[in-house]
C-alpha atoms as a PDB file:
ATOM      1  CA  MET A   1      87.016  34.255-215.605  1.00  0.00           C
ATOM      2  CA  THR A   2      88.732  36.120-212.785  1.00  0.00           C
ATOM      3  CA  THR A   3      92.388  35.707-212.136  1.00  0.00           C
ATOM      4  CA  MET A   4      93.948  35.652-208.696  1.00  0.00           C
ATOM      5  CA  PRO A   5      96.306  38.562-208.045  1.00  0.00           C
ATOM      6  CA  ALA A   6      99.952  37.588-208.084  1.00  0.00           C
ATOM      7  CA  ILE A   7     101.513  37.165-204.679  1.00  0.00           C
ATOM      8  CA  LYS A   8     104.616  39.281-204.328  1.00  0.00           C
ATOM      9  CA  ARG A   9     107.524  37.345-202.904  1.00  0.00           C
ATOM     10  CA  SER A  10     109.516  39.185-200.279  1.00  0.00           C
ATOM     11  CA  THR A  11     113.114  39.964-201.130  1.00  0.00           C
ATOM     12  CA  ILE A  12     116.139  39.509-198.889  1.00  0.00           C
ATOM     13  CA  GLY A  13     116.103  43.260-198.316  1.00  0.00           C
ATOM     14  CA  ASP A  14     112.460  43.167-197.215  1.00  0.00           C
ATOM     15  CA  GLN A  15     113.140  40.286-194.839  1.00  0.00           C
ATOM     16  CA  LEU A  16     116.227  41.917-193.358  1.00  0.00           C
ATOM     17  CA  THR A  17     114.368  45.197-192.880  1.00  0.00           C
ATOM     18  CA  ALA A  18     111.476  43.451-191.140  1.00  0.00           C
ATOM     19  CA  LEU A  19     113.827  41.540-188.819  1.00  0.00           C
ATOM     20  CA  THR A  20     115.843  44.661-188.005  1.00  0.00           C
ATOM     21  CA  VAL A  21     112.730  46.689-187.193  1.00  0.00           C
ATOM     22  CA  ARG A  22     111.521  43.835-185.030  1.00  0.00           C
ATOM     23  CA  ASN A  23     114.851  43.779-183.130  1.00  0.00           C
ATOM     24  CA  LEU A  24     114.796  47.543-182.627  1.00  0.00           C
ATOM     25  CA  ARG A  25     111.261  47.387-181.249  1.00  0.00           C
ATOM     26  CA  THR A  26     112.172  44.478-178.966  1.00  0.00           C
ATOM     27  CA  SER A  27     115.227  46.306-177.633  1.00  0.00           C
ATOM     28  CA  ALA A  28     113.173  49.435-176.984  1.00  0.00           C
ATOM     29  CA  ARG A  29     110.605  47.405-175.056  1.00  0.00           C
ATOM     30  CA  VAL A  30     113.148  45.850-172.668  1.00  0.00           C
ATOM     31  CA  PRO A  31     114.120  48.677-170.297  1.00  0.00           C
ATOM     32  CA  GLN A  32     116.780  46.582-168.549  1.00  0.00           C
ATOM     33  CA  LEU A  33     118.755  46.032-171.751  1.00  0.00           C
ATOM     34  CA  LEU A  34     118.180  49.608-172.844  1.00  0.00           C
ATOM     35  CA  MET A  35     119.405  50.915-169.492  1.00  0.00           C
ATOM     36  CA  PHE A  36     122.470  48.672-169.543  1.00  0.00           C
ATOM     37  CA  SER A  37     123.312  49.536-173.134  1.00  0.00           C
ATOM     38  CA  LEU A  38     122.899  53.314-172.995  1.00  0.00           C
ATOM     39  CA  THR A  39     123.272  54.576-169.436  1.00  0.00           C
ATOM     40  CA  MET A  40     125.775  52.173-167.853  1.00  0.00           C
ATOM     41  CA  PRO A  41     128.643  53.382-170.077  1.00  0.00           C
ATOM     42  CA  MET A  42     127.922  56.996-169.075  1.00  0.00           C
ATOM     43  CA  ALA A  43     127.970  56.044-165.383  1.00  0.00           C
ATOM     44  CA  MET A  44     131.279  54.233-165.889  1.00  0.00           C
ATOM     45  CA  LEU A  45     132.717  57.220-167.740  1.00  0.00           C
ATOM     46  CA  VAL A  46     131.868  59.562-164.875  1.00  0.00           C
ATOM     47  CA  LEU A  47     133.157  57.200-162.161  1.00  0.00           C
ATOM     48  CA  PHE A  48     136.326  56.067-163.927  1.00  0.00           C
ATOM     49  CA  SER A  49     137.275  59.600-164.990  1.00  0.00           C
ATOM     50  CA  GLN A  50     137.243  60.660-161.322  1.00  0.00           C
ATOM     51  CA  VAL A  51     138.519  57.532-159.563  1.00  0.00           C
ATOM     52  CA  PHE A  52     141.399  56.691-161.917  1.00  0.00           C
ATOM     53  CA  ARG A  53     142.464  60.157-163.039  1.00  0.00           C
ATOM     54  CA  SER A  54     145.668  59.813-160.998  1.00  0.00           C
ATOM     55  CA  VAL A  55     146.806  57.368-163.680  1.00  0.00           C
ATOM     56  CA  ALA A  56     147.624  60.431-165.788  1.00  0.00           C
ATOM     57  CA  ALA A  57     150.473  61.202-163.383  1.00  0.00           C
ATOM     58  CA  GLY A  58     151.967  57.731-163.626  1.00  0.00           C
ATOM     59  CA  PRO A  59     154.861  56.511-165.792  1.00  0.00           C
ATOM     60  CA  GLY A  60     154.097  55.610-169.371  1.00  0.00           C
ATOM     61  CA  PHE A  61     151.093  57.920-169.627  1.00  0.00           C
ATOM     62  CA  PRO A  62     151.106  60.104-172.760  1.00  0.00           C
ATOM     63  CA  PRO A  63     152.455  63.543-171.822  1.00  0.00           C
ATOM     64  CA  GLY A  64     150.130  66.496-172.163  1.00  0.00           C
ATOM     65  CA  VAL A  65     146.991  64.337-172.379  1.00  0.00           C
ATOM     66  CA  SER A  66     144.186  64.700-169.850  1.00  0.00           C
ATOM     67  CA  TYR A  67     142.706  61.501-168.453  1.00  0.00           C
ATOM     68  CA  ILE A  68     139.212  62.317-169.758  1.00  0.00           C
ATOM     69  CA  ASP A  69     140.608  62.623-173.287  1.00  0.00           C
ATOM     70  CA  PHE A  70     142.454  59.347-172.738  1.00  0.00           C
ATOM     71  CA  LEU A  71     139.417  57.591-171.263  1.00  0.00           C
ATOM     72  CA  THR A  72     136.588  58.701-173.567  1.00  0.00           C
ATOM     73  CA  PRO A  73     137.665  56.762-176.691  1.00  0.00           C
ATOM     74  CA  ALA A  74     138.328  53.744-174.485  1.00  0.00           C
ATOM     75  CA  MET A  75     134.809  53.921-173.087  1.00  0.00           C
ATOM     76  CA  LEU A  76     133.449  54.024-176.629  1.00  0.00           C
ATOM     77  CA  ALA A  77     135.193  50.717-177.334  1.00  0.00           C
ATOM     78  CA  VAL A  78     134.423  49.175-173.931  1.00  0.00           C
ATOM     79  CA  SER A  79     130.730  50.091-174.062  1.00  0.00           C
ATOM     80  CA  THR A  80     130.546  48.446-177.490  1.00  0.00           C
ATOM     81  CA  VAL A  81     131.852  45.213-175.972  1.00  0.00           C
ATOM     82  CA  MET A  82     129.458  45.477-173.040  1.00  0.00           C
ATOM     83  CA  ALA A  83     126.482  46.053-175.312  1.00  0.00           C
ATOM     84  CA  GLY A  84     127.538  43.130-177.497  1.00  0.00           C
ATOM     85  CA  THR A  85     126.324  40.790-174.777  1.00  0.00           C
ATOM     86  CA  ASN A  86     122.800  42.003-175.574  1.00  0.00           C
ATOM     87  CA  ALA A  87     123.071  40.285-178.955  1.00  0.00           C
ATOM     88  CA  GLY A  88     123.889  37.026-177.194  1.00  0.00           C
ATOM     89  CA  VAL A  89     120.979  37.372-174.792  1.00  0.00           C
ATOM     90  CA  SER A  90     118.623  38.225-177.674  1.00  0.00           C
ATOM     91  CA  ALA A  91     119.760  35.137-179.585  1.00  0.00           C
ATOM     92  CA  ALA A  92     119.212  32.954-176.524  1.00  0.00           C
ATOM     93  CA  ILE A  93     115.737  34.410-175.970  1.00  0.00           C
ATOM     94  CA  ASP A  94     114.842  33.595-179.590  1.00  0.00           C
ATOM     95  CA  HIS A  95     115.805  29.979-178.904  1.00  0.00           C
ATOM     96  CA  THR A  96     113.919  29.883-175.596  1.00  0.00           C
ATOM     97  CA  ASN A  97     110.623  31.160-176.986  1.00  0.00           C
ATOM     98  CA  GLY A  98     110.811  29.055-180.132  1.00  0.00           C
ATOM     99  CA  LEU A  99     111.261  31.970-182.497  1.00  0.00           C
ATOM    100  CA  HIS A 100     114.537  30.591-183.843  1.00  0.00           C
ATOM    101  CA  ASP A 101     112.760  27.390-184.904  1.00  0.00           C
ATOM    102  CA  ARG A 102     110.100  29.518-186.558  1.00  0.00           C
ATOM    103  CA  PHE A 103     112.774  31.405-188.474  1.00  0.00           C
ATOM    104  CA  ALA A 104     114.275  28.087-189.606  1.00  0.00           C
ATOM    105  CA  ALA A 105     110.910  27.054-191.053  1.00  0.00           C
ATOM    106  CA  LEU A 106     110.480  30.257-193.043  1.00  0.00           C
ATOM    107  CA  PRO A 107     111.728  30.653-196.633  1.00  0.00           C
ATOM    108  CA  MET A 108     114.628  32.953-195.805  1.00  0.00           C
ATOM    109  CA  ARG A 109     118.364  32.735-195.427  1.00  0.00           C
ATOM    110  CA  THR A 110     119.551  31.420-192.085  1.00  0.00           C
ATOM    111  CA  ALA A 111     122.047  34.271-191.704  1.00  0.00           C
ATOM    112  CA  LEU A 112     119.400  37.020-191.760  1.00  0.00           C
ATOM    113  CA  PRO A 113     118.490  36.965-188.019  1.00  0.00           C
ATOM    114  CA  ALA A 114     122.158  37.404-187.104  1.00  0.00           C
ATOM    115  CA  MET A 115     122.517  40.200-189.659  1.00  0.00           C
ATOM    116  CA  ALA A 116     119.472  41.918-188.191  1.00  0.00           C
ATOM    117  CA  ARG A 117     120.987  41.697-184.708  1.00  0.00           C
ATOM    118  CA  THR A 118     124.173  43.266-186.043  1.00  0.00           C
ATOM    119  CA  LEU A 119     122.288  46.159-187.636  1.00  0.00           C
ATOM    120  CA  ASN A 120     120.394  46.631-184.379  1.00  0.00           C
ATOM    121  CA  GLU A 121     123.680  46.860-182.483  1.00  0.00           C
ATOM    122  CA  GLY A 122     125.006  49.301-185.067  1.00  0.00           C
ATOM    123  CA  VAL A 123     122.110  51.684-184.473  1.00  0.00           C
ATOM    124  CA  PHE A 124     122.506  51.506-180.706  1.00  0.00           C
ATOM    125  CA  THR A 125     126.274  51.932-181.050  1.00  0.00           C
ATOM    126  CA  LEU A 126     125.797  55.295-182.759  1.00  0.00           C
ATOM    127  CA  ALA A 127     123.219  56.409-180.188  1.00  0.00           C
ATOM    128  CA  ARG A 128     125.440  55.307-177.322  1.00  0.00           C
ATOM    129  CA  ALA A 129     128.471  57.080-178.814  1.00  0.00           C
ATOM    130  CA  ALA A 130     126.499  60.327-179.067  1.00  0.00           C
ATOM    131  CA  LEU A 131     125.404  60.117-175.419  1.00  0.00           C
ATOM    132  CA  LEU A 132     128.926  59.286-174.256  1.00  0.00           C
ATOM    133  CA  ALA A 133     130.349  62.206-176.205  1.00  0.00           C
ATOM    134  CA  LEU A 134     127.858  64.594-174.595  1.00  0.00           C
ATOM    135  CA  ALA A 135     128.672  63.279-171.113  1.00  0.00           C
ATOM    136  CA  ALA A 136     132.411  63.528-171.812  1.00  0.00           C
ATOM    137  CA  LEU A 137     132.066  67.117-173.016  1.00  0.00           C
ATOM    138  CA  ALA A 138     130.434  68.000-169.701  1.00  0.00           C
ATOM    139  CA  LEU A 139     133.508  66.545-167.953  1.00  0.00           C
ATOM    140  CA  GLY A 140     135.950  68.608-169.991  1.00  0.00           C
ATOM    141  CA  PHE A 141     136.609  66.318-172.936  1.00  0.00           C
ATOM    142  CA  GLN A 142     138.096  67.896-176.063  1.00  0.00           C
ATOM    143  CA  PHE A 143     138.278  66.395-179.554  1.00  0.00           C
ATOM    144  CA  HIS A 144     141.676  67.200-181.068  1.00  0.00           C
ATOM    145  CA  GLY A 145     141.255  65.478-184.430  1.00  0.00           C
ATOM    146  CA  THR A 146     139.826  66.507-187.783  1.00  0.00           C
ATOM    147  CA  ALA A 147     136.582  65.682-189.547  1.00  0.00           C
ATOM    148  CA  VAL A 148     138.383  62.780-191.218  1.00  0.00           C
ATOM    149  CA  ASP A 149     139.408  61.506-187.783  1.00  0.00           C
ATOM    150  CA  ALA A 150     135.795  61.668-186.631  1.00  0.00           C
ATOM    151  CA  VAL A 151     134.565  59.658-189.636  1.00  0.00           C
ATOM    152  CA  ALA A 152     137.353  57.096-189.258  1.00  0.00           C
ATOM    153  CA  ALA A 153     136.557  56.700-185.558  1.00  0.00           C
ATOM    154  CA  VAL A 154     132.889  56.012-186.341  1.00  0.00           C
ATOM    155  CA  VAL A 155     133.888  53.391-188.933  1.00  0.00           C
ATOM    156  CA  VAL A 156     136.192  51.630-186.448  1.00  0.00           C
ATOM    157  CA  LEU A 157     133.486  51.700-183.785  1.00  0.00           C
ATOM    158  CA  VAL A 158     130.748  50.313-186.055  1.00  0.00           C
ATOM    159  CA  VAL A 159     132.980  47.500-187.349  1.00  0.00           C
ATOM    160  CA  LEU A 160     133.925  46.603-183.766  1.00  0.00           C
ATOM    161  CA  ALA A 161     130.206  46.546-182.883  1.00  0.00           C
ATOM    162  CA  GLY A 162     129.600  44.098-185.738  1.00  0.00           C
ATOM    163  CA  ALA A 163     132.381  41.815-184.527  1.00  0.00           C
ATOM    164  CA  MET A 164     131.101  41.874-180.941  1.00  0.00           C
ATOM    165  CA  SER A 165     127.533  41.223-182.078  1.00  0.00           C
ATOM    166  CA  ALA A 166     128.702  38.216-184.086  1.00  0.00           C
ATOM    167  CA  LEU A 167     130.817  36.888-181.196  1.00  0.00           C
ATOM    168  CA  PHE A 168     128.184  37.148-178.491  1.00  0.00           C
ATOM    169  CA  GLY A 169     125.415  36.136-180.908  1.00  0.00           C
ATOM    170  CA  LEU A 170     127.316  32.895-181.529  1.00  0.00           C
ATOM    171  CA  ILE A 171     127.545  32.340-177.771  1.00  0.00           C
ATOM    172  CA  GLY A 172     123.789  32.871-177.500  1.00  0.00           C
ATOM    173  CA  ASP A 173     123.081  30.464-180.363  1.00  0.00           C
ATOM    174  CA  ARG A 174     125.247  27.791-178.739  1.00  0.00           C
ATOM    175  CA  LEU A 175     124.206  28.095-175.090  1.00  0.00           C
ATOM    176  CA  ARG A 176     120.543  29.050-175.715  1.00  0.00           C
ATOM    177  CA  ARG A 177     119.778  30.052-172.120  1.00  0.00           C
ATOM    178  CA  PRO A 178     119.710  33.781-171.336  1.00  0.00           C
ATOM    179  CA  ASP A 179     121.039  33.374-167.784  1.00  0.00           C
ATOM    180  CA  VAL A 180     123.909  31.155-168.907  1.00  0.00           C
ATOM    181  CA  VAL A 181     124.657  33.463-171.833  1.00  0.00           C
ATOM    182  CA  GLN A 182     124.897  36.448-169.487  1.00  0.00           C
ATOM    183  CA  PHE A 183     127.428  34.620-167.303  1.00  0.00           C
ATOM    184  CA  ALA A 184     129.440  33.350-170.257  1.00  0.00           C
ATOM    185  CA  GLY A 185     129.307  36.798-171.823  1.00  0.00           C
ATOM    186  CA  MET A 186     130.826  38.305-168.674  1.00  0.00           C
ATOM    187  CA  MET A 187     133.658  35.759-168.783  1.00  0.00           C
ATOM    188  CA  VAL A 188     134.433  36.740-172.375  1.00  0.00           C
ATOM    189  CA  MET A 189     133.787  40.449-171.899  1.00  0.00           C
ATOM    190  CA  MET A 190     136.151  41.035-168.954  1.00  0.00           C
ATOM    191  CA  PRO A 191     139.452  40.088-170.651  1.00  0.00           C
ATOM    192  CA  LEU A 192     138.424  41.911-173.827  1.00  0.00           C
ATOM    193  CA  MET A 193     137.840  45.067-171.800  1.00  0.00           C
ATOM    194  CA  PHE A 194     140.711  45.026-169.331  1.00  0.00           C
ATOM    195  CA  VAL A 195     143.492  43.283-171.271  1.00  0.00           C
ATOM    196  CA  SER A 196     143.798  46.356-173.439  1.00  0.00           C
ATOM    197  CA  SER A 197     144.917  49.957-173.306  1.00  0.00           C
ATOM    198  CA  ALA A 198     141.437  51.101-172.294  1.00  0.00           C
ATOM    199  CA  PHE A 199     142.182  52.253-168.752  1.00  0.00           C
ATOM    200  CA  ALA A 200     145.982  52.303-168.568  1.00  0.00           C
ATOM    201  CA  PRO A 201     148.865  52.158-171.065  1.00  0.00           C
ATOM    202  CA  ILE A 202     149.749  48.607-172.140  1.00  0.00           C
ATOM    203  CA  GLU A 203     153.399  49.324-171.361  1.00  0.00           C
ATOM    204  CA  THR A 204     152.572  49.358-167.638  1.00  0.00           C
ATOM    205  CA  MET A 205     151.201  45.782-167.754  1.00  0.00           C
ATOM    206  CA  PRO A 206     153.092  42.494-167.215  1.00  0.00           C
ATOM    207  CA  GLY A 207     154.702  40.979-170.282  1.00  0.00           C
ATOM    208  CA  TRP A 208     152.212  38.106-170.621  1.00  0.00           C
ATOM    209  CA  MET A 209     149.326  40.553-170.528  1.00  0.00           C
ATOM    210  CA  GLN A 210     150.956  42.732-173.175  1.00  0.00           C
ATOM    211  CA  ALA A 211     151.169  39.661-175.423  1.00  0.00           C
ATOM    212  CA  MET A 212     147.460  38.981-174.919  1.00  0.00           C
ATOM    213  CA  ALA A 213     146.617  42.614-175.642  1.00  0.00           C
ATOM    214  CA  ALA A 214     148.462  42.383-178.968  1.00  0.00           C
ATOM    215  CA  ALA A 215     145.870  39.810-180.108  1.00  0.00           C
ATOM    216  CA  ASN A 216     142.888  41.676-178.665  1.00  0.00           C
ATOM    217  CA  PRO A 217     140.756  43.498-181.282  1.00  0.00           C
ATOM    218  CA  VAL A 218     139.385  45.783-178.561  1.00  0.00           C
ATOM    219  CA  ALA A 219     142.920  46.923-177.741  1.00  0.00           C
ATOM    220  CA  HIS A 220     143.581  47.842-181.376  1.00  0.00           C
ATOM    221  CA  ALA A 221     140.202  49.583-181.666  1.00  0.00           C
ATOM    222  CA  THR A 222     140.928  51.549-178.500  1.00  0.00           C
ATOM    223  CA  ASP A 223     144.316  52.642-179.799  1.00  0.00           C
ATOM    224  CA  ALA A 224     142.815  53.748-183.117  1.00  0.00           C
ATOM    225  CA  LEU A 225     139.913  55.583-181.489  1.00  0.00           C
ATOM    226  CA  ARG A 226     142.256  57.310-179.056  1.00  0.00           C
ATOM    227  CA  GLY A 227     144.563  58.306-181.882  1.00  0.00           C
ATOM    228  CA  HIS A 228     141.693  59.838-183.828  1.00  0.00           C
ATOM    229  CA  VAL A 229     140.427  61.684-180.748  1.00  0.00           C
ATOM    230  CA  LEU A 230     143.893  63.077-179.996  1.00  0.00           C
ATOM    231  CA  GLY A 231     144.655  63.775-183.650  1.00  0.00           C
ATOM    232  CA  THR A 232     147.678  61.466-183.666  1.00  0.00           C
ATOM    233  CA  ALA A 233     146.278  58.428-185.483  1.00  0.00           C
ATOM    234  CA  THR A 234     148.018  57.008-188.513  1.00  0.00           C
ATOM    235  CA  ALA A 235     146.540  55.029-191.386  1.00  0.00           C
ATOM    236  CA  ALA A 236     148.280  51.949-189.948  1.00  0.00           C
ATOM    237  CA  ASP A 237     146.408  52.372-186.637  1.00  0.00           C
ATOM    238  CA  THR A 238     143.054  52.461-188.405  1.00  0.00           C
ATOM    239  CA  VAL A 239     143.845  49.576-190.750  1.00  0.00           C
ATOM    240  CA  THR A 240     145.134  47.423-187.884  1.00  0.00           C
ATOM    241  CA  ALA A 241     141.971  48.044-185.865  1.00  0.00           C
ATOM    242  CA  LEU A 242     139.709  47.258-188.822  1.00  0.00           C
ATOM    243  CA  VAL A 243     141.650  44.112-189.790  1.00  0.00           C
ATOM    244  CA  ALA A 244     141.600  42.831-186.197  1.00  0.00           C
ATOM    245  CA  ALA A 245     137.834  43.391-185.832  1.00  0.00           C
ATOM    246  CA  LEU A 246     137.033  42.020-189.294  1.00  0.00           C
ATOM    247  CA  GLY A 247     139.264  39.019-188.629  1.00  0.00           C
ATOM    248  CA  LEU A 248     137.354  38.184-185.459  1.00  0.00           C
ATOM    249  CA  TRP A 249     134.065  38.764-187.277  1.00  0.00           C
ATOM    250  CA  ALA A 250     135.051  36.431-190.115  1.00  0.00           C
ATOM    251  CA  LEU A 251     136.302  33.768-187.711  1.00  0.00           C
ATOM    252  CA  VAL A 252     133.086  33.817-185.688  1.00  0.00           C
ATOM    253  CA  THR A 253     130.942  33.789-188.835  1.00  0.00           C
ATOM    254  CA  ALA A 254     132.848  30.783-190.161  1.00  0.00           C
ATOM    255  CA  VAL A 255     132.158  28.660-187.075  1.00  0.00           C
ATOM    256  CA  PRO A 256     128.492  27.803-187.913  1.00  0.00           C
ATOM    257  CA  VAL A 257     129.437  27.094-191.537  1.00  0.00           C
ATOM    258  CA  LEU A 258     132.237  24.743-190.508  1.00  0.00           C
ATOM    259  CA  THR A 259     129.946  23.073-187.963  1.00  0.00           C
ATOM    260  CA  ARG A 260     127.335  22.348-190.637  1.00  0.00           C
ATOM    261  CA  LEU A 261     129.991  20.964-192.971  1.00  0.00           C
ATOM    262  CA  VAL A 262     131.328  18.640-190.272  1.00  0.00           C
ATOM    263  CA  ARG A 263     127.843  17.404-189.409  1.00  0.00           C
ATOM    264  CA  SER A 264     127.079  16.851-193.085  1.00  0.00           C
ATOM    265  CA  ALA A 265     130.303  14.861-193.530  1.00  0.00           C
ATOM    266  CA  ARG A 266     129.523  12.696-190.501  1.00  0.00           C
ATOM    267  CA  ALA A 267     125.988  12.021-191.741  1.00  0.00           C
ATOM    268  CA  ARG A 268     127.251  10.535-195.001  1.00  0.00           C
END
């Protein structure tokens, strides 16, 4: 009597790996998203470093700091926010083509597709940071920190990427239409980018905008990244940036859980 071979059940790690590879392949096959994610930040770095370099002569600008050294860490943070919208568009596309419903019918945890999107954004964040650094070096950028500063900056950047992926992924899951998600993403992205110290010192902004910047995780990430680039960062800068990004990440992650609990309570 022959026995049927045992069917190996896939683990959570296997499922997450498969979903992440699938997201990486999908991103690589969409040239528009790839272009926006990787080359747009470099174009902005070149343009902003030339157009706004007179800011370095204004009041409140750190003395002895060139504008390219001031701008490069900001562009690392800003490009991470810009690329986060890709996670929202990807989530909306999954809803549009029915893939999200297919995922819901499979024997896997519901959080895995979002985790795979986050890992995908993490990979592209590192690639984008490398390209931006090369472009900045060609424009005269200098890194004034230590190896520890470099590692800390990468950690801050990757955690910020996770928070942005979760935020815009939630928008994509809620709106479910790529065109609407792109518009809504722009409305969320603009204040995150510009109500911060990315392009000019916060001290030069109106009081109400300074108050908004104090609650902006991108502002704290920019300050930490800039401190590590200039070699002036403190442990408090890094911790504040990580806590702000992780706080946003946790808040966004809690929204679907709370929504399910409310629906379950109403159904009883």
